[in-house]
């Protein structure tokens, strides 16, 4: 079984342009993500997938494998699909380029144990929300889980509504994903549905079309860098870890 790690990294972020190159304790953020991912011995290959020459240049300076992709991808799943056109693998493991605190043991939890090319395979990660501010933050995608870790729905709104009881754990998706080629091809060859358009969540394209997503639970804390305030938090955490 061949596993290829892919770290999507684009420069033109709406909320935080150039964030893959943002400095964290003397190194660009993409370096921290790559170092975490490269510790996974299960990966046969690992690449940063970008569309920006500035990111490509930094990757080469730090001896990180990098692939240049088109600059018209609407989302990271589409970018990973382009990578799959050039590099053959049984599974492509996405580690988002704005997750410098990601725990490699969390990544291991979504790794498949067998090859399945007969159906679309998509495995994601989720963690329990413990901060009310995180729960109501629309930037955090909440996921409702059924039996056997199957995702039922994703939303930017806290769901389900706690009418019957307040004793319920809310979960958010985490930037670790596993796709086979069939799932990636399905995504790029299928038009955005009505619900995906309303919520603006890529995952819903699979759910709207009856394709299963399994969300494995992870316990480690991870903070994606979406804003400069997030960056300051991450800098402080990494400084403390390395002091």
Protein backbone atom coordinates (compact mmCIF):
# COMPACT_ATOMS: atom_id res chain seq x y z
CA UNK A 1 0.00 0.00 0.00
CA UNK A 2 1.45 3.34 -1.07
CA UNK A 3 0.67 6.42 1.03
CA UNK A 4 1.56 9.89 -0.20
CA UNK A 5 1.37 12.89 2.11
CA UNK A 6 0.28 16.18 0.57
CA UNK A 7 0.43 19.60 2.21
CA UNK A 8 -1.63 22.11 0.22
CA UNK A 9 -0.24 25.63 0.56
CA UNK A 10 -1.51 28.68 -1.29
CA UNK A 11 -0.30 32.24 -0.92
CA UNK A 12 -3.49 34.13 -1.78
CA UNK A 13 -5.51 33.49 1.37
CA UNK A 14 -8.38 35.97 1.70
CA UNK A 15 -8.08 36.44 5.46
CA UNK A 16 -4.31 36.00 5.76
CA UNK A 17 -2.31 36.41 2.51
CA UNK A 18 1.05 34.66 2.52
CA UNK A 19 0.39 32.70 5.72
CA UNK A 20 2.39 29.56 4.69
CA UNK A 21 5.48 31.80 4.87
CA UNK A 22 4.54 33.49 8.14
CA UNK A 23 7.45 33.40 10.58
CA UNK A 24 7.18 31.12 13.60
CA UNK A 25 10.27 31.18 15.80
CA UNK A 26 12.58 31.84 12.86
CA UNK A 27 11.09 29.34 10.40
CA UNK A 28 8.18 29.68 7.94
CA UNK A 29 4.95 28.02 9.02
CA UNK A 30 5.06 25.55 6.11
CA UNK A 31 8.40 24.28 7.46
CA UNK A 32 6.83 23.40 10.82
CA UNK A 33 4.01 21.50 9.12
CA UNK A 34 6.43 19.64 6.86
CA UNK A 35 8.66 18.65 9.78
CA UNK A 36 5.68 17.21 11.63
CA UNK A 37 4.48 15.29 8.58
CA UNK A 38 7.94 13.99 7.66
CA UNK A 39 8.10 12.17 11.01
CA UNK A 40 5.44 9.77 9.73
CA UNK A 41 7.37 6.72 8.63
CA UNK A 42 4.18 5.37 7.00
CA UNK A 43 4.47 7.93 4.20
CA UNK A 44 6.19 6.68 1.06
CA UNK A 45 6.45 10.24 -0.22
CA UNK A 46 5.65 13.73 1.06
CA UNK A 47 5.06 16.91 -0.93
CA UNK A 48 4.01 20.52 -0.51
CA UNK A 49 1.47 21.34 -3.25
CA UNK A 50 1.44 25.04 -4.11
CA UNK A 51 0.70 27.43 -6.95
CA UNK A 52 3.04 30.20 -5.84
CA UNK A 53 6.68 30.61 -6.78
CA UNK A 54 7.51 32.27 -3.45
CA UNK A 55 6.36 29.20 -1.56
CA UNK A 56 8.15 26.93 -4.05
CA UNK A 57 11.38 28.89 -3.51
CA UNK A 58 11.21 28.58 0.28
CA UNK A 59 10.45 24.86 0.05
CA UNK A 60 13.52 24.29 -2.08
CA UNK A 61 15.66 26.36 0.28
CA UNK A 62 14.64 24.08 3.14
CA UNK A 63 14.95 20.88 1.06
CA UNK A 64 11.24 20.16 1.13
CA UNK A 65 9.66 18.26 -1.77
CA UNK A 66 7.34 20.61 -3.63
CA UNK A 67 4.94 20.29 -6.58
CA UNK A 68 3.68 23.27 -8.54
CA UNK A 69 -0.03 23.08 -9.31
CA UNK A 70 -2.48 25.25 -11.22
CA UNK A 71 -3.52 28.58 -9.74
CA UNK A 72 -7.22 28.18 -10.49
CA UNK A 73 -8.12 25.51 -7.94
CA UNK A 74 -11.27 26.51 -6.00
CA UNK A 75 -10.26 24.44 -2.96
CA UNK A 76 -7.57 22.20 -1.52
CA UNK A 77 -9.29 18.92 -2.53
CA UNK A 78 -9.11 19.97 -6.16
CA UNK A 79 -5.41 20.73 -5.73
CA UNK A 80 -4.76 17.29 -4.23
CA UNK A 81 -6.59 15.72 -7.17
CA UNK A 82 -4.14 17.40 -9.54
CA UNK A 83 -1.29 15.90 -7.52
CA UNK A 84 -2.93 12.48 -7.92
CA UNK A 85 -2.76 12.91 -11.69
CA UNK A 86 1.04 13.04 -11.53
CA UNK A 87 1.90 10.82 -8.56
CA UNK A 88 0.34 7.39 -8.23
CA UNK A 89 -0.66 6.15 -4.79
CA UNK A 90 -3.31 4.07 -3.09
CA UNK A 91 -4.15 6.92 -0.72
CA UNK A 92 -3.37 10.63 -0.48
CA UNK A 93 -3.13 12.02 3.05
CA UNK A 94 -3.82 15.73 3.29
CA UNK A 95 -2.29 17.73 6.13
CA UNK A 96 -3.39 21.32 5.82
CA UNK A 97 -0.56 23.83 5.53
CA UNK A 98 -1.97 25.97 8.33
CA UNK A 99 -1.78 23.25 11.01
CA UNK A 100 1.75 23.66 12.49
CA UNK A 101 0.70 22.03 15.78
CA UNK A 102 -0.65 18.85 14.23
CA UNK A 103 0.15 15.66 16.13
CA UNK A 104 1.52 12.81 13.99
CA UNK A 105 -0.28 10.23 16.11
CA UNK A 106 -3.51 11.97 15.15
CA UNK A 107 -2.58 11.55 11.50
CA UNK A 108 -1.98 7.85 12.09
CA UNK A 109 -5.57 7.46 13.28
CA UNK A 110 -6.95 8.18 9.81
CA UNK A 111 -4.56 5.94 7.91
CA UNK A 112 -6.34 3.02 6.19
CA UNK A 113 -5.38 -0.58 6.82
CA UNK A 114 -6.20 -1.98 3.39
CA UNK A 115 -6.45 -0.89 -0.23
CA UNK A 116 -9.93 -0.20 -1.62
CA UNK A 117 -10.15 1.03 -5.20
CA UNK A 118 -13.73 -0.11 -5.75
CA UNK A 119 -15.47 2.77 -4.00
CA UNK A 120 -14.80 6.34 -2.95
CA UNK A 121 -12.83 6.38 0.30
CA UNK A 122 -12.69 9.54 2.40
CA UNK A 123 -11.54 9.47 6.02
CA UNK A 124 -11.44 12.67 8.06
CA UNK A 125 -10.65 13.67 11.62
CA UNK A 126 -12.67 15.32 14.36
CA UNK A 127 -12.02 16.57 17.84
CA UNK A 128 -14.33 17.47 20.71
CA UNK A 129 -15.04 21.16 21.19
CA UNK A 130 -14.42 22.25 24.77
CA UNK A 131 -14.55 26.03 24.37
CA UNK A 132 -17.98 27.65 23.79
CA UNK A 133 -16.32 30.36 21.71
CA UNK A 134 -14.97 27.69 19.37
CA UNK A 135 -18.38 26.08 19.13
CA UNK A 136 -20.13 29.21 17.90
CA UNK A 137 -17.25 30.29 15.64
CA UNK A 138 -18.41 29.85 12.03
CA UNK A 139 -14.80 29.24 10.96
CA UNK A 140 -14.95 25.92 12.83
CA UNK A 141 -16.85 23.31 10.83
CA UNK A 142 -19.04 21.26 13.12
CA UNK A 143 -19.81 17.65 12.25
CA UNK A 144 -22.62 15.37 13.41
CA UNK A 145 -21.52 11.75 13.79
CA UNK A 146 -23.66 8.63 13.50
CA UNK A 147 -22.73 5.01 14.09
CA UNK A 148 -19.27 3.72 13.14
CA UNK A 149 -17.81 7.24 12.90
CA UNK A 150 -19.99 8.05 9.87
CA UNK A 151 -20.52 11.74 9.20
CA UNK A 152 -24.20 12.68 8.92
CA UNK A 153 -23.86 16.42 8.25
CA UNK A 154 -21.40 19.30 8.48
CA UNK A 155 -22.28 22.87 9.32
CA UNK A 156 -20.82 26.17 10.43
CA UNK A 157 -23.68 26.37 12.93
CA UNK A 158 -23.59 24.32 16.16
CA UNK A 159 -25.72 21.27 15.44
CA UNK A 160 -27.79 19.45 16.58
CA UNK A 161 -29.92 21.91 18.56
CA UNK A 162 -29.93 20.88 22.28
CA UNK A 163 -33.70 20.84 22.86
CA UNK A 164 -34.01 17.41 24.46
CA UNK A 165 -30.84 17.56 26.54
CA UNK A 166 -27.80 19.72 27.17
CA UNK A 167 -25.56 16.71 27.67
CA UNK A 168 -24.06 16.48 24.20
CA UNK A 169 -20.53 16.77 22.82
CA UNK A 170 -19.97 18.94 19.79
CA UNK A 171 -17.17 18.13 17.36
CA UNK A 172 -15.24 20.07 14.75
CA UNK A 173 -13.39 18.80 11.73
CA UNK A 174 -9.59 18.90 11.80
CA UNK A 175 -7.28 19.50 8.84
CA UNK A 176 -6.26 15.87 8.30
CA UNK A 177 -7.86 13.89 5.47
CA UNK A 178 -7.35 10.65 3.58
CA UNK A 179 -8.62 10.14 0.02
CA UNK A 180 -8.26 7.45 -2.57
CA UNK A 181 -8.05 8.45 -6.24
CA UNK A 182 -11.67 7.52 -6.86
CA UNK A 183 -12.86 9.98 -4.21
CA UNK A 184 -10.68 12.79 -5.55
CA UNK A 185 -11.85 12.21 -9.10
CA UNK A 186 -15.47 12.15 -7.97
CA UNK A 187 -15.04 15.50 -6.26
CA UNK A 188 -13.61 17.37 -9.24
CA UNK A 189 -16.05 15.78 -11.69
CA UNK A 190 -19.15 16.60 -9.63
CA UNK A 191 -20.79 20.01 -9.53
CA UNK A 192 -21.32 21.88 -6.29
CA UNK A 193 -24.73 21.11 -4.81
CA UNK A 194 -27.24 23.49 -3.24
CA UNK A 195 -26.37 22.68 0.37
CA UNK A 196 -22.60 22.86 -0.22
CA UNK A 197 -23.10 26.29 -1.76
CA UNK A 198 -25.13 27.54 1.21
CA UNK A 199 -22.74 26.22 3.90
CA UNK A 200 -19.57 26.73 1.84
CA UNK A 201 -18.15 23.40 3.06
CA UNK A 202 -16.39 21.10 0.57
CA UNK A 203 -17.22 17.93 2.50
CA UNK A 204 -20.92 18.35 1.80
CA UNK A 205 -20.37 17.48 -1.87
CA UNK A 206 -19.69 13.92 -0.79
CA UNK A 207 -22.56 13.77 1.70
CA UNK A 208 -25.08 15.29 -0.74
CA UNK A 209 -24.28 12.48 -3.15
CA UNK A 210 -24.50 9.65 -0.64
CA UNK A 211 -20.75 9.07 -0.29
CA UNK A 212 -19.66 8.07 3.20
CA UNK A 213 -17.14 10.05 5.20
CA UNK A 214 -15.70 8.47 8.32
CA UNK A 215 -14.50 10.94 10.92
CA UNK A 216 -12.02 9.36 13.33
CA UNK A 217 -11.84 11.04 16.72
CA UNK A 218 -8.54 12.52 17.84
CA UNK A 219 -7.81 13.84 21.30
CA UNK A 220 -4.88 16.14 20.71
CA UNK A 221 -5.39 19.89 20.50
CA UNK A 222 -4.77 21.48 17.14
CA UNK A 223 -5.06 25.12 16.16
CA UNK A 224 -5.31 26.08 12.52
CA UNK A 225 -3.85 29.47 11.64
CA UNK A 226 -6.68 31.39 10.02
CA UNK A 227 -5.85 34.85 11.35
CA UNK A 228 -2.87 36.78 12.69
CA UNK A 229 -4.29 36.31 16.20
CA UNK A 230 -4.10 32.55 15.64
CA UNK A 231 -0.50 32.98 14.53
CA UNK A 232 0.39 34.73 17.78
CA UNK A 233 -1.15 31.87 19.78
CA UNK A 234 0.82 29.28 17.78
CA UNK A 235 4.07 31.20 18.18
CA UNK A 236 3.60 31.25 21.94
CA UNK A 237 2.82 27.53 22.10
CA UNK A 238 5.85 26.58 19.97
CA UNK A 239 8.11 28.89 21.95
CA UNK A 240 6.99 27.16 25.15
CA UNK A 241 7.47 23.71 23.61
CA UNK A 242 11.01 24.54 22.55
CA UNK A 243 12.11 26.45 25.64
